[in-house]
Amino acid sequence: MELPKRAGDNPIAVELEEGKKYAWCTCGLSESQPFCNGLHKGSGMSPIVFTAEKTETKYLCTCKQTKNAPFCDGSHK
């Protein structure tokens, strides 16, 4: 299987909490999109871990083609 796998065709709106760490799935295999659930193990890929700068709604990429990971940049279009 070629990775990353396209996990969706649209971004997912997520309410991020200031100071909280998140792990964004980069492989597309997670069943907890857009977040990592560990299914990448053995694939050579790993999640992008980031800390929310403020409490706000952000749109996280599911197509895995964004150039602004983990945030959607419209690459799914």
N, C-alpha and C. Protein backbone atom coordinates (compact mmCIF):
# COMPACT_ATOMS: atom_id res chain seq x y z
N MET A 1 0.84 -1.18 0.00
CA MET A 1 0.00 0.00 0.00
C MET A 1 0.88 1.24 0.00
N GLU A 2 0.53 2.16 -0.85
CA GLU A 2 1.27 3.42 -0.91
C GLU A 2 0.70 4.39 0.12
N LEU A 3 1.59 5.00 0.88
CA LEU A 3 1.18 5.96 1.90
C LEU A 3 1.72 7.33 1.55
N PRO A 4 1.05 8.41 1.90
CA PRO A 4 -0.14 8.41 2.73
C PRO A 4 -1.39 8.05 1.93
N LYS A 5 -2.33 7.45 2.64
CA LYS A 5 -3.63 7.10 2.08
C LYS A 5 -4.56 8.31 2.23
N ARG A 6 -5.30 8.63 1.21
CA ARG A 6 -6.27 9.73 1.27
C ARG A 6 -7.39 9.29 2.21
N ALA A 7 -7.54 9.99 3.34
CA ALA A 7 -8.52 9.60 4.35
C ALA A 7 -9.85 10.32 4.17
N GLY A 8 -9.90 11.31 3.28
CA GLY A 8 -11.14 12.05 3.06
C GLY A 8 -10.98 13.07 1.97
N ASP A 9 -12.10 13.65 1.56
CA ASP A 9 -12.09 14.64 0.50
C ASP A 9 -12.34 16.05 0.99
N ASN A 10 -12.57 16.18 2.30
CA ASN A 10 -12.84 17.49 2.90
C ASN A 10 -12.14 17.58 4.25
N PRO A 11 -11.79 18.78 4.67
CA PRO A 11 -11.17 18.94 5.98
C PRO A 11 -12.20 18.68 7.09
N ILE A 12 -11.70 18.43 8.28
CA ILE A 12 -12.55 18.23 9.45
C ILE A 12 -12.37 19.41 10.38
N ALA A 13 -13.48 20.04 10.76
CA ALA A 13 -13.44 21.14 11.72
C ALA A 13 -13.22 20.58 13.11
N VAL A 14 -12.21 21.11 13.81
CA VAL A 14 -11.86 20.63 15.14
C VAL A 14 -11.72 21.82 16.07
N GLU A 15 -12.32 21.72 17.25
CA GLU A 15 -12.16 22.75 18.27
C GLU A 15 -10.89 22.43 19.05
N LEU A 16 -9.86 23.23 18.84
CA LEU A 16 -8.58 23.04 19.52
C LEU A 16 -8.58 23.84 20.82
N GLU A 17 -7.90 23.31 21.84
CA GLU A 17 -7.79 23.98 23.13
C GLU A 17 -6.38 24.52 23.31
N GLU A 18 -6.27 25.79 23.65
CA GLU A 18 -4.98 26.44 23.85
C GLU A 18 -4.10 25.62 24.79
N GLY A 19 -2.85 25.39 24.36
CA GLY A 19 -1.86 24.68 25.16
C GLY A 19 -1.94 23.17 25.10
N LYS A 20 -2.97 22.61 24.50
CA LYS A 20 -3.13 21.16 24.41
C LYS A 20 -2.37 20.62 23.20
N LYS A 21 -1.75 19.44 23.37
CA LYS A 21 -1.01 18.79 22.29
C LYS A 21 -1.94 17.87 21.52
N TYR A 22 -1.73 17.83 20.20
CA TYR A 22 -2.50 16.98 19.31
C TYR A 22 -1.53 16.24 18.39
N ALA A 23 -1.93 15.05 17.95
CA ALA A 23 -1.13 14.27 17.01
C ALA A 23 -1.96 14.05 15.75
N TRP A 24 -1.59 14.76 14.67
CA TRP A 24 -2.31 14.69 13.40
C TRP A 24 -1.80 13.50 12.60
N CYS A 25 -2.73 12.69 12.11
CA CYS A 25 -2.39 11.51 11.30
C CYS A 25 -1.79 11.94 9.96
N THR A 26 -0.62 11.42 9.63
CA THR A 26 0.01 11.70 8.34
C THR A 26 -0.14 10.56 7.35
N CYS A 27 -0.42 9.35 7.85
CA CYS A 27 -0.47 8.18 6.97
C CYS A 27 -1.84 7.95 6.33
N GLY A 28 -2.90 8.46 6.96
CA GLY A 28 -4.24 8.27 6.44
C GLY A 28 -4.91 6.98 6.89
N LEU A 29 -4.24 6.18 7.70
CA LEU A 29 -4.80 4.90 8.13
C LEU A 29 -5.64 4.98 9.40
N SER A 30 -5.48 6.03 10.17
CA SER A 30 -6.17 6.15 11.44
C SER A 30 -7.69 6.10 11.28
N GLU A 31 -8.34 5.41 12.18
CA GLU A 31 -9.80 5.37 12.21
C GLU A 31 -10.34 6.52 13.05
N SER A 32 -9.45 7.36 13.57
CA SER A 32 -9.81 8.51 14.41
C SER A 32 -9.46 9.81 13.70
N GLN A 33 -9.65 9.87 12.40
CA GLN A 33 -9.29 11.05 11.61
C GLN A 33 -9.88 12.32 12.21
N PRO A 34 -9.13 13.39 12.23
CA PRO A 34 -7.83 13.59 11.60
C PRO A 34 -6.66 13.27 12.52
N PHE A 35 -6.95 12.62 13.65
CA PHE A 35 -5.90 12.37 14.64
C PHE A 35 -5.35 10.95 14.54
N CYS A 36 -4.13 10.79 14.99
CA CYS A 36 -3.41 9.52 14.97
C CYS A 36 -3.98 8.55 16.01
N ASN A 37 -4.08 7.28 15.62
CA ASN A 37 -4.45 6.24 16.57
C ASN A 37 -3.42 5.12 16.60
N GLY A 38 -2.26 5.35 15.97
CA GLY A 38 -1.16 4.38 16.03
C GLY A 38 -1.11 3.37 14.91
N LEU A 39 -2.04 3.39 13.97
CA LEU A 39 -2.03 2.40 12.89
C LEU A 39 -0.87 2.58 11.91
N HIS A 40 -0.10 3.65 12.04
CA HIS A 40 1.05 3.87 11.17
C HIS A 40 2.23 2.98 11.55
N LYS A 41 2.19 2.36 12.70
CA LYS A 41 3.33 1.57 13.20
C LYS A 41 3.81 0.59 12.13
N GLY A 42 5.10 0.63 11.86
CA GLY A 42 5.70 -0.24 10.86
C GLY A 42 5.67 0.33 9.45
N SER A 43 5.05 1.49 9.28
CA SER A 43 4.93 2.08 7.94
C SER A 43 6.09 3.03 7.62
N GLY A 44 6.86 3.40 8.64
CA GLY A 44 7.92 4.38 8.44
C GLY A 44 7.42 5.81 8.55
N MET A 45 6.15 5.97 8.83
CA MET A 45 5.56 7.31 8.98
C MET A 45 5.27 7.55 10.46
N SER A 46 5.12 8.81 10.82
CA SER A 46 4.75 9.16 12.18
C SER A 46 3.88 10.40 12.15
N PRO A 47 3.08 10.61 13.21
CA PRO A 47 2.18 11.75 13.22
C PRO A 47 2.93 13.07 13.37
N ILE A 48 2.26 14.16 13.05
CA ILE A 48 2.78 15.49 13.33
C ILE A 48 2.14 15.92 14.64
N VAL A 49 2.98 16.13 15.64
CA VAL A 49 2.50 16.56 16.96
C VAL A 49 2.61 18.07 17.03
N PHE A 50 1.53 18.71 17.44
CA PHE A 50 1.53 20.17 17.55
C PHE A 50 0.75 20.60 18.79
N THR A 51 1.05 21.80 19.26
CA THR A 51 0.36 22.38 20.40
C THR A 51 -0.48 23.55 19.91
N ALA A 52 -1.75 23.56 20.30
CA ALA A 52 -2.66 24.63 19.88
C ALA A 52 -2.21 25.95 20.51
N GLU A 53 -2.09 26.97 19.68
CA GLU A 53 -1.65 28.28 20.15
C GLU A 53 -2.76 29.02 20.88
N LYS A 54 -4.02 28.74 20.49
CA LYS A 54 -5.16 29.34 21.17
C LYS A 54 -6.37 28.44 20.99
N THR A 55 -7.39 28.67 21.79
CA THR A 55 -8.63 27.91 21.65
C THR A 55 -9.39 28.48 20.46
N GLU A 56 -9.61 27.62 19.47
CA GLU A 56 -10.29 28.05 18.25
C GLU A 56 -10.64 26.84 17.41
N THR A 57 -11.53 27.06 16.45
CA THR A 57 -11.87 26.03 15.48
C THR A 57 -10.89 26.12 14.32
N LYS A 58 -10.29 24.99 13.97
CA LYS A 58 -9.38 24.92 12.83
C LYS A 58 -9.83 23.75 11.94
N TYR A 59 -9.50 23.84 10.67
CA TYR A 59 -9.84 22.79 9.71
C TYR A 59 -8.60 21.96 9.42
N LEU A 60 -8.65 20.69 9.84
CA LEU A 60 -7.50 19.80 9.68
C LEU A 60 -7.67 18.95 8.43
N CYS A 61 -6.58 18.78 7.72
CA CYS A 61 -6.55 18.08 6.45
C CYS A 61 -6.83 16.58 6.60
N THR A 62 -7.61 16.03 5.67
CA THR A 62 -7.80 14.58 5.62
C THR A 62 -7.29 13.98 4.32
N CYS A 63 -7.02 14.82 3.29
CA CYS A 63 -6.51 14.28 2.03
C CYS A 63 -5.01 13.96 2.11
N LYS A 64 -4.35 14.53 3.13
CA LYS A 64 -2.92 14.31 3.41
C LYS A 64 -2.00 14.93 2.36
N GLN A 65 -2.51 15.86 1.54
CA GLN A 65 -1.71 16.51 0.52
C GLN A 65 -1.37 17.96 0.85
N THR A 66 -1.85 18.46 1.99
CA THR A 66 -1.63 19.85 2.36
C THR A 66 -0.14 20.20 2.45
N LYS A 67 0.17 21.42 2.11
CA LYS A 67 1.54 21.93 2.27
C LYS A 67 1.65 22.71 3.57
N ASN A 68 0.54 22.76 4.34
CA ASN A 68 0.48 23.50 5.59
C ASN A 68 0.02 22.59 6.73
N ALA A 69 0.59 21.38 6.77
CA ALA A 69 0.17 20.37 7.75
C ALA A 69 0.26 20.90 9.18
N PRO A 70 -0.73 20.60 9.98
CA PRO A 70 -1.88 19.71 9.76
C PRO A 70 -3.12 20.40 9.21
N PHE A 71 -2.98 21.67 8.85
CA PHE A 71 -4.14 22.46 8.46
C PHE A 71 -4.42 22.35 6.96
N CYS A 72 -5.71 22.35 6.63
CA CYS A 72 -6.13 22.28 5.23
C CYS A 72 -5.69 23.52 4.46
N ASP A 73 -5.16 23.31 3.26
CA ASP A 73 -4.79 24.44 2.40
C ASP A 73 -5.54 24.38 1.06
N GLY A 74 -6.54 23.51 0.98
CA GLY A 74 -7.33 23.39 -0.24
C GLY A 74 -6.78 22.40 -1.25
N SER A 75 -5.73 21.67 -0.93
CA SER A 75 -5.13 20.73 -1.87
C SER A 75 -6.08 19.61 -2.28
N HIS A 76 -7.12 19.37 -1.50
CA HIS A 76 -8.08 18.30 -1.82
C HIS A 76 -8.93 18.62 -3.04
N LYS A 77 -8.92 19.87 -3.48
CA LYS A 77 -9.79 20.27 -4.61
C LYS A 77 -9.23 19.82 -5.95
